[in-house]
Amino acid sequence: MRRFLAVCLLLLLVGCGDKAQDLYDTAQLEEKQFNKPHAMKLYRQIVEEYANSPYAKQAKTRLAELEKAR
């Protein structure tokens, strides 16, 4: 429940900003909370839906690192 509230608060604070950045920030938060499956899902979403975003390259890197650690 606490994690859900933290994610909601983060999303509220970012407002209508860059969607790729919002997803990346949320994925980072999920990693810090040891929810790697959800973080990986968010990184994949960035890569697939926002391929031209500067966050796509970072998301690819994090995704590769998380898959390697499996």
PDB file of N, CA and C in Angstrom:
ATOM      1  N   MET A   1       0.822  -1.185   0.000  1.00  0.00           N
ATOM      2  CA  MET A   1       0.000   0.000   0.000  1.00  0.00           C
ATOM      3  C   MET A   1       0.868   1.252   0.000  1.00  0.00           C
ATOM      4  N   ARG A   2       1.932   1.217   0.780  1.00  0.00           N
ATOM      5  CA  ARG A   2       2.824   2.368   0.858  1.00  0.00           C
ATOM      6  C   ARG A   2       3.469   2.640  -0.504  1.00  0.00           C
ATOM      7  N   ARG A   3       3.849   1.572  -1.197  1.00  0.00           N
ATOM      8  CA  ARG A   3       4.461   1.720  -2.518  1.00  0.00           C
ATOM      9  C   ARG A   3       3.471   2.335  -3.491  1.00  0.00           C
ATOM     10  N   PHE A   4       2.232   1.887  -3.443  1.00  0.00           N
ATOM     11  CA  PHE A   4       1.194   2.426  -4.321  1.00  0.00           C
ATOM     12  C   PHE A   4       1.017   3.921  -4.085  1.00  0.00           C
ATOM     13  N   LEU A   5       0.983   4.314  -2.827  1.00  0.00           N
ATOM     14  CA  LEU A   5       0.829   5.731  -2.502  1.00  0.00           C
ATOM     15  C   LEU A   5       2.031   6.544  -2.966  1.00  0.00           C
ATOM     16  N   ALA A   6       3.219   5.973  -2.833  1.00  0.00           N
ATOM     17  CA  ALA A   6       4.421   6.675  -3.284  1.00  0.00           C
ATOM     18  C   ALA A   6       4.392   6.883  -4.795  1.00  0.00           C
ATOM     19  N   VAL A   7       3.978   5.857  -5.531  1.00  0.00           N
ATOM     20  CA  VAL A   7       3.887   5.969  -6.985  1.00  0.00           C
ATOM     21  C   VAL A   7       2.834   6.997  -7.367  1.00  0.00           C
ATOM     22  N   CYS A   8       1.700   6.978  -6.707  1.00  0.00           N
ATOM     23  CA  CYS A   8       0.643   7.962  -6.986  1.00  0.00           C
ATOM     24  C   CYS A   8       1.124   9.374  -6.705  1.00  0.00           C
ATOM     25  N   LEU A   9       1.818   9.555  -5.608  1.00  0.00           N
ATOM     26  CA  LEU A   9       2.342  10.871  -5.269  1.00  0.00           C
ATOM     27  C   LEU A   9       3.350  11.333  -6.313  1.00  0.00           C
ATOM     28  N   LEU A  10       4.213  10.438  -6.721  1.00  0.00           N
ATOM     29  CA  LEU A  10       5.197  10.774  -7.752  1.00  0.00           C
ATOM     30  C   LEU A  10       4.502  11.205  -9.039  1.00  0.00           C
ATOM     31  N   LEU A  11       3.489  10.460  -9.441  1.00  0.00           N
ATOM     32  CA  LEU A  11       2.770  10.797 -10.659  1.00  0.00           C
ATOM     33  C   LEU A  11       2.034  12.127 -10.543  1.00  0.00           C
ATOM     34  N   LEU A  12       1.512  12.412  -9.376  1.00  0.00           N
ATOM     35  CA  LEU A  12       0.842  13.695  -9.163  1.00  0.00           C
ATOM     36  C   LEU A  12       1.825  14.857  -9.216  1.00  0.00           C
ATOM     37  N   LEU A  13       3.000  14.647  -8.662  1.00  0.00           N
ATOM     38  CA  LEU A  13       3.998  15.712  -8.644  1.00  0.00           C
ATOM     39  C   LEU A  13       4.525  16.040 -10.033  1.00  0.00           C
ATOM     40  N   VAL A  14       4.629  15.021 -10.875  1.00  0.00           N
ATOM     41  CA  VAL A  14       5.158  15.258 -12.220  1.00  0.00           C
ATOM     42  C   VAL A  14       4.097  15.868 -13.120  1.00  0.00           C
ATOM     43  N   GLY A  15       2.841  15.647 -12.814  1.00  0.00           N
ATOM     44  CA  GLY A  15       1.767  16.281 -13.575  1.00  0.00           C
ATOM     45  C   GLY A  15       1.751  15.885 -15.032  1.00  0.00           C
ATOM     46  N   CYS A  16       1.684  16.875 -15.880  1.00  0.00           N
ATOM     47  CA  CYS A  16       1.539  16.642 -17.319  1.00  0.00           C
ATOM     48  C   CYS A  16       2.868  16.736 -18.040  1.00  0.00           C
ATOM     49  N   GLY A  17       3.926  16.337 -17.417  1.00  0.00           N
ATOM     50  CA  GLY A  17       5.247  16.422 -18.020  1.00  0.00           C
ATOM     51  C   GLY A  17       5.454  15.391 -19.111  1.00  0.00           C
ATOM     52  N   ASP A  18       6.679  15.156 -19.417  1.00  0.00           N
ATOM     53  CA  ASP A  18       7.098  14.198 -20.438  1.00  0.00           C
ATOM     54  C   ASP A  18       6.732  12.785 -19.980  1.00  0.00           C
ATOM     55  N   LYS A  19       5.912  12.098 -20.765  1.00  0.00           N
ATOM     56  CA  LYS A  19       5.425  10.765 -20.390  1.00  0.00           C
ATOM     57  C   LYS A  19       6.571   9.761 -20.257  1.00  0.00           C
ATOM     58  N   ALA A  20       7.533   9.834 -21.164  1.00  0.00           N
ATOM     59  CA  ALA A  20       8.676   8.915 -21.082  1.00  0.00           C
ATOM     60  C   ALA A  20       9.461   9.157 -19.797  1.00  0.00           C
ATOM     61  N   GLN A  21       9.625  10.404 -19.447  1.00  0.00           N
ATOM     62  CA  GLN A  21      10.327  10.731 -18.205  1.00  0.00           C
ATOM     63  C   GLN A  21       9.537  10.241 -16.998  1.00  0.00           C
ATOM     64  N   ASP A  22       8.226  10.424 -17.033  1.00  0.00           N
ATOM     65  CA  ASP A  22       7.377   9.950 -15.942  1.00  0.00           C
ATOM     66  C   ASP A  22       7.525   8.443 -15.751  1.00  0.00           C
ATOM     67  N   LEU A  23       7.480   7.717 -16.861  1.00  0.00           N
ATOM     68  CA  LEU A  23       7.628   6.261 -16.797  1.00  0.00           C
ATOM     69  C   LEU A  23       9.007   5.872 -16.277  1.00  0.00           C
ATOM     70  N   TYR A  24      10.033   6.576 -16.746  1.00  0.00           N
ATOM     71  CA  TYR A  24      11.391   6.270 -16.317  1.00  0.00           C
ATOM     72  C   TYR A  24      11.545   6.518 -14.814  1.00  0.00           C
ATOM     73  N   ASP A  25      11.038   7.642 -14.345  1.00  0.00           N
ATOM     74  CA  ASP A  25      11.118   7.950 -12.921  1.00  0.00           C
ATOM     75  C   ASP A  25      10.379   6.906 -12.081  1.00  0.00           C
ATOM     76  N   THR A  26       9.234   6.475 -12.573  1.00  0.00           N
ATOM     77  CA  THR A  26       8.469   5.450 -11.859  1.00  0.00           C
ATOM     78  C   THR A  26       9.219   4.120 -11.866  1.00  0.00           C
ATOM     79  N   ALA A  27       9.834   3.780 -12.987  1.00  0.00           N
ATOM     80  CA  ALA A  27      10.620   2.541 -13.064  1.00  0.00           C
ATOM     81  C   ALA A  27      11.782   2.583 -12.079  1.00  0.00           C
ATOM     82  N   GLN A  28      12.429   3.736 -11.974  1.00  0.00           N
ATOM     83  CA  GLN A  28      13.522   3.886 -11.017  1.00  0.00           C
ATOM     84  C   GLN A  28      13.018   3.675  -9.580  1.00  0.00           C
ATOM     85  N   LEU A  29      11.873   4.245  -9.288  1.00  0.00           N
ATOM     86  CA  LEU A  29      11.269   4.068  -7.966  1.00  0.00           C
ATOM     87  C   LEU A  29      10.953   2.596  -7.704  1.00  0.00           C
ATOM     88  N   GLU A  30      10.414   1.922  -8.707  1.00  0.00           N
ATOM     89  CA  GLU A  30      10.092   0.487  -8.556  1.00  0.00           C
ATOM     90  C   GLU A  30      11.361  -0.321  -8.295  1.00  0.00           C
ATOM     91  N   GLU A  31      12.450   0.021  -8.962  1.00  0.00           N
ATOM     92  CA  GLU A  31      13.717  -0.678  -8.713  1.00  0.00           C
ATOM     93  C   GLU A  31      14.162  -0.482  -7.267  1.00  0.00           C
ATOM     94  N   LYS A  32      14.064   0.742  -6.789  1.00  0.00           N
ATOM     95  CA  LYS A  32      14.485   1.030  -5.410  1.00  0.00           C
ATOM     96  C   LYS A  32      13.636   0.272  -4.394  1.00  0.00           C
ATOM     97  N   GLN A  33      12.411  -0.052  -4.789  1.00  0.00           N
ATOM     98  CA  GLN A  33      11.523  -0.790  -3.896  1.00  0.00           C
ATOM     99  C   GLN A  33      11.558  -2.294  -4.187  1.00  0.00           C
ATOM    100  N   PHE A  34      12.566  -2.717  -4.946  1.00  0.00           N
ATOM    101  CA  PHE A  34      12.803  -4.128  -5.255  1.00  0.00           C
ATOM    102  C   PHE A  34      11.659  -4.766  -6.036  1.00  0.00           C
ATOM    103  N   ASN A  35      10.967  -3.966  -6.823  1.00  0.00           N
ATOM    104  CA  ASN A  35       9.907  -4.485  -7.687  1.00  0.00           C
ATOM    105  C   ASN A  35      10.431  -4.490  -9.122  1.00  0.00           C
ATOM    106  N   LYS A  36      11.407  -5.355  -9.355  1.00  0.00           N
ATOM    107  CA  LYS A  36      12.075  -5.388 -10.653  1.00  0.00           C
ATOM    108  C   LYS A  36      11.163  -5.808 -11.799  1.00  0.00           C
ATOM    109  N   PRO A  37      10.223  -6.735 -11.603  1.00  0.00           N
ATOM    110  CA  PRO A  37       9.343  -7.077 -12.733  1.00  0.00           C
ATOM    111  C   PRO A  37       8.544  -5.877 -13.245  1.00  0.00           C
ATOM    112  N   HIS A  38       8.044  -5.054 -12.331  1.00  0.00           N
ATOM    113  CA  HIS A  38       7.284  -3.877 -12.771  1.00  0.00           C
ATOM    114  C   HIS A  38       8.214  -2.841 -13.403  1.00  0.00           C
ATOM    115  N   ALA A  39       9.396  -2.676 -12.852  1.00  0.00           N
ATOM    116  CA  ALA A  39      10.376  -1.755 -13.432  1.00  0.00           C
ATOM    117  C   ALA A  39      10.705  -2.179 -14.867  1.00  0.00           C
ATOM    118  N   MET A  40      10.912  -3.465 -15.075  1.00  0.00           N
ATOM    119  CA  MET A  40      11.230  -3.970 -16.412  1.00  0.00           C
ATOM    120  C   MET A  40      10.070  -3.706 -17.376  1.00  0.00           C
ATOM    121  N   LYS A  41       8.855  -3.894 -16.904  1.00  0.00           N
ATOM    122  CA  LYS A  41       7.683  -3.628 -17.740  1.00  0.00           C
ATOM    123  C   LYS A  41       7.652  -2.154 -18.166  1.00  0.00           C
ATOM    124  N   LEU A  42       7.937  -1.271 -17.239  1.00  0.00           N
ATOM    125  CA  LEU A  42       7.935   0.162 -17.545  1.00  0.00           C
ATOM    126  C   LEU A  42       9.063   0.522 -18.508  1.00  0.00           C
ATOM    127  N   TYR A  43      10.246  -0.056 -18.319  1.00  0.00           N
ATOM    128  CA  TYR A  43      11.350   0.204 -19.240  1.00  0.00           C
ATOM    129  C   TYR A  43      11.001  -0.279 -20.649  1.00  0.00           C
ATOM    130  N   ARG A  44      10.383  -1.452 -20.742  1.00  0.00           N
ATOM    131  CA  ARG A  44       9.964  -1.955 -22.064  1.00  0.00           C
ATOM    132  C   ARG A  44       8.959  -1.008 -22.717  1.00  0.00           C
ATOM    133  N   GLN A  45       8.047  -0.492 -21.916  1.00  0.00           N
ATOM    134  CA  GLN A  45       7.045   0.435 -22.437  1.00  0.00           C
ATOM    135  C   GLN A  45       7.714   1.692 -23.000  1.00  0.00           C
ATOM    136  N   ILE A  46       8.710   2.198 -22.318  1.00  0.00           N
ATOM    137  CA  ILE A  46       9.442   3.380 -22.807  1.00  0.00           C
ATOM    138  C   ILE A  46      10.100   3.064 -24.146  1.00  0.00           C
ATOM    139  N   VAL A  47      10.777   1.931 -24.216  1.00  0.00           N
ATOM    140  CA  VAL A  47      11.487   1.549 -25.434  1.00  0.00           C
ATOM    141  C   VAL A  47      10.522   1.374 -26.604  1.00  0.00           C
ATOM    142  N   GLU A  48       9.383   0.768 -26.349  1.00  0.00           N
ATOM    143  CA  GLU A  48       8.428   0.490 -27.417  1.00  0.00           C
ATOM    144  C   GLU A  48       7.611   1.718 -27.831  1.00  0.00           C
ATOM    145  N   GLU A  49       7.157   2.498 -26.867  1.00  0.00           N
ATOM    146  CA  GLU A  49       6.238   3.594 -27.164  1.00  0.00           C
ATOM    147  C   GLU A  49       6.920   4.950 -27.354  1.00  0.00           C
ATOM    148  N   TYR A  50       8.126   5.093 -26.825  1.00  0.00           N
ATOM    149  CA  TYR A  50       8.809   6.384 -26.881  1.00  0.00           C
ATOM    150  C   TYR A  50      10.242   6.206 -27.365  1.00  0.00           C
ATOM    151  N   ALA A  51      10.384   5.480 -28.453  1.00  0.00           N
ATOM    152  CA  ALA A  51      11.709   5.121 -28.983  1.00  0.00           C
ATOM    153  C   ALA A  51      12.565   6.345 -29.308  1.00  0.00           C
ATOM    154  N   ASN A  52      11.961   7.463 -29.628  1.00  0.00           N
ATOM    155  CA  ASN A  52      12.717   8.665 -29.981  1.00  0.00           C
ATOM    156  C   ASN A  52      13.036   9.550 -28.781  1.00  0.00           C
ATOM    157  N   SER A  53      12.594   9.137 -27.626  1.00  0.00           N
ATOM    158  CA  SER A  53      12.846   9.910 -26.408  1.00  0.00           C
ATOM    159  C   SER A  53      14.281   9.670 -25.934  1.00  0.00           C
ATOM    160  N   PRO A  54      14.867  10.682 -25.315  1.00  0.00           N
ATOM    161  CA  PRO A  54      16.206  10.464 -24.726  1.00  0.00           C
ATOM    162  C   PRO A  54      16.186   9.401 -23.622  1.00  0.00           C
ATOM    163  N   TYR A  55      15.019   9.135 -23.073  1.00  0.00           N
ATOM    164  CA  TYR A  55      14.914   8.134 -22.009  1.00  0.00           C
ATOM    165  C   TYR A  55      14.921   6.709 -22.554  1.00  0.00           C
ATOM    166  N   ALA A  56      14.678   6.550 -23.835  1.00  0.00           N
ATOM    167  CA  ALA A  56      14.645   5.208 -24.427  1.00  0.00           C
ATOM    168  C   ALA A  56      16.005   4.523 -24.329  1.00  0.00           C
ATOM    169  N   LYS A  57      17.060   5.261 -24.587  1.00  0.00           N
ATOM    170  CA  LYS A  57      18.403   4.672 -24.499  1.00  0.00           C
ATOM    171  C   LYS A  57      18.713   4.244 -23.067  1.00  0.00           C
ATOM    172  N   GLN A  58      18.370   5.098 -22.112  1.00  0.00           N
ATOM    173  CA  GLN A  58      18.596   4.765 -20.709  1.00  0.00           C
ATOM    174  C   GLN A  58      17.756   3.557 -20.301  1.00  0.00           C
ATOM    175  N   ALA A  59      16.526   3.519 -20.784  1.00  0.00           N
ATOM    176  CA  ALA A  59      15.639   2.401 -20.458  1.00  0.00           C
ATOM    177  C   ALA A  59      16.188   1.094 -21.025  1.00  0.00           C
ATOM    178  N   LYS A  60      16.721   1.140 -22.249  1.00  0.00           N
ATOM    179  CA  LYS A  60      17.320  -0.063 -22.850  1.00  0.00           C
ATOM    180  C   LYS A  60      18.482  -0.561 -22.002  1.00  0.00           C
ATOM    181  N   THR A  61      19.300   0.366 -21.550  1.00  0.00           N
ATOM    182  CA  THR A  61      20.455  -0.003 -20.728  1.00  0.00           C
ATOM    183  C   THR A  61      20.014  -0.655 -19.426  1.00  0.00           C
ATOM    184  N   ARG A  62      19.067  -0.033 -18.734  1.00  0.00           N
ATOM    185  CA  ARG A  62      18.591  -0.586 -17.464  1.00  0.00           C
ATOM    186  C   ARG A  62      17.932  -1.945 -17.677  1.00  0.00           C
ATOM    187  N   LEU A  63      17.151  -2.052 -18.744  1.00  0.00           N
ATOM    188  CA  LEU A  63      16.471  -3.307 -19.041  1.00  0.00           C
ATOM    189  C   LEU A  63      17.490  -4.421 -19.272  1.00  0.00           C
ATOM    190  N   ALA A  64      18.525  -4.132 -20.039  1.00  0.00           N
ATOM    191  CA  ALA A  64      19.576  -5.135 -20.290  1.00  0.00           C
ATOM    192  C   ALA A  64      20.257  -5.539 -18.994  1.00  0.00           C
ATOM    193  N   GLU A  65      20.537  -4.566 -18.137  1.00  0.00           N
ATOM    194  CA  GLU A  65      21.190  -4.872 -16.869  1.00  0.00           C
ATOM    195  C   GLU A  65      20.305  -5.726 -15.964  1.00  0.00           C
ATOM    196  N   LEU A  66      19.024  -5.419 -15.935  1.00  0.00           N
ATOM    197  CA  LEU A  66      18.102  -6.210 -15.109  1.00  0.00           C
ATOM    198  C   LEU A  66      17.908  -7.614 -15.668  1.00  0.00           C
ATOM    199  N   GLU A  67      17.861  -7.741 -16.990  1.00  0.00           N
ATOM    200  CA  GLU A  67      17.721  -9.076 -17.583  1.00  0.00           C
ATOM    201  C   GLU A  67      18.969  -9.899 -17.367  1.00  0.00           C
ATOM    202  N   LYS A  68      20.120  -9.263 -17.406  1.00  0.00           N
ATOM    203  CA  LYS A  68      21.390  -9.962 -17.182  1.00  0.00           C
ATOM    204  C   LYS A  68      21.481 -10.483 -15.742  1.00  0.00           C
ATOM    205  N   ALA A  69      20.924  -9.734 -14.815  1.00  0.00           N
ATOM    206  CA  ALA A  69      20.984 -10.100 -13.392  1.00  0.00           C
ATOM    207  C   ALA A  69      20.007 -11.220 -13.037  1.00  0.00           C
ATOM    208  N   ARG A  70      19.138 -11.587 -13.932  1.00  0.00           N
ATOM    209  CA  ARG A  70      18.142 -12.628 -13.627  1.00  0.00           C
ATOM    210  C   ARG A  70      18.772 -13.959 -13.406  1.00  0.00           C
TER     211      ARG A  70
END
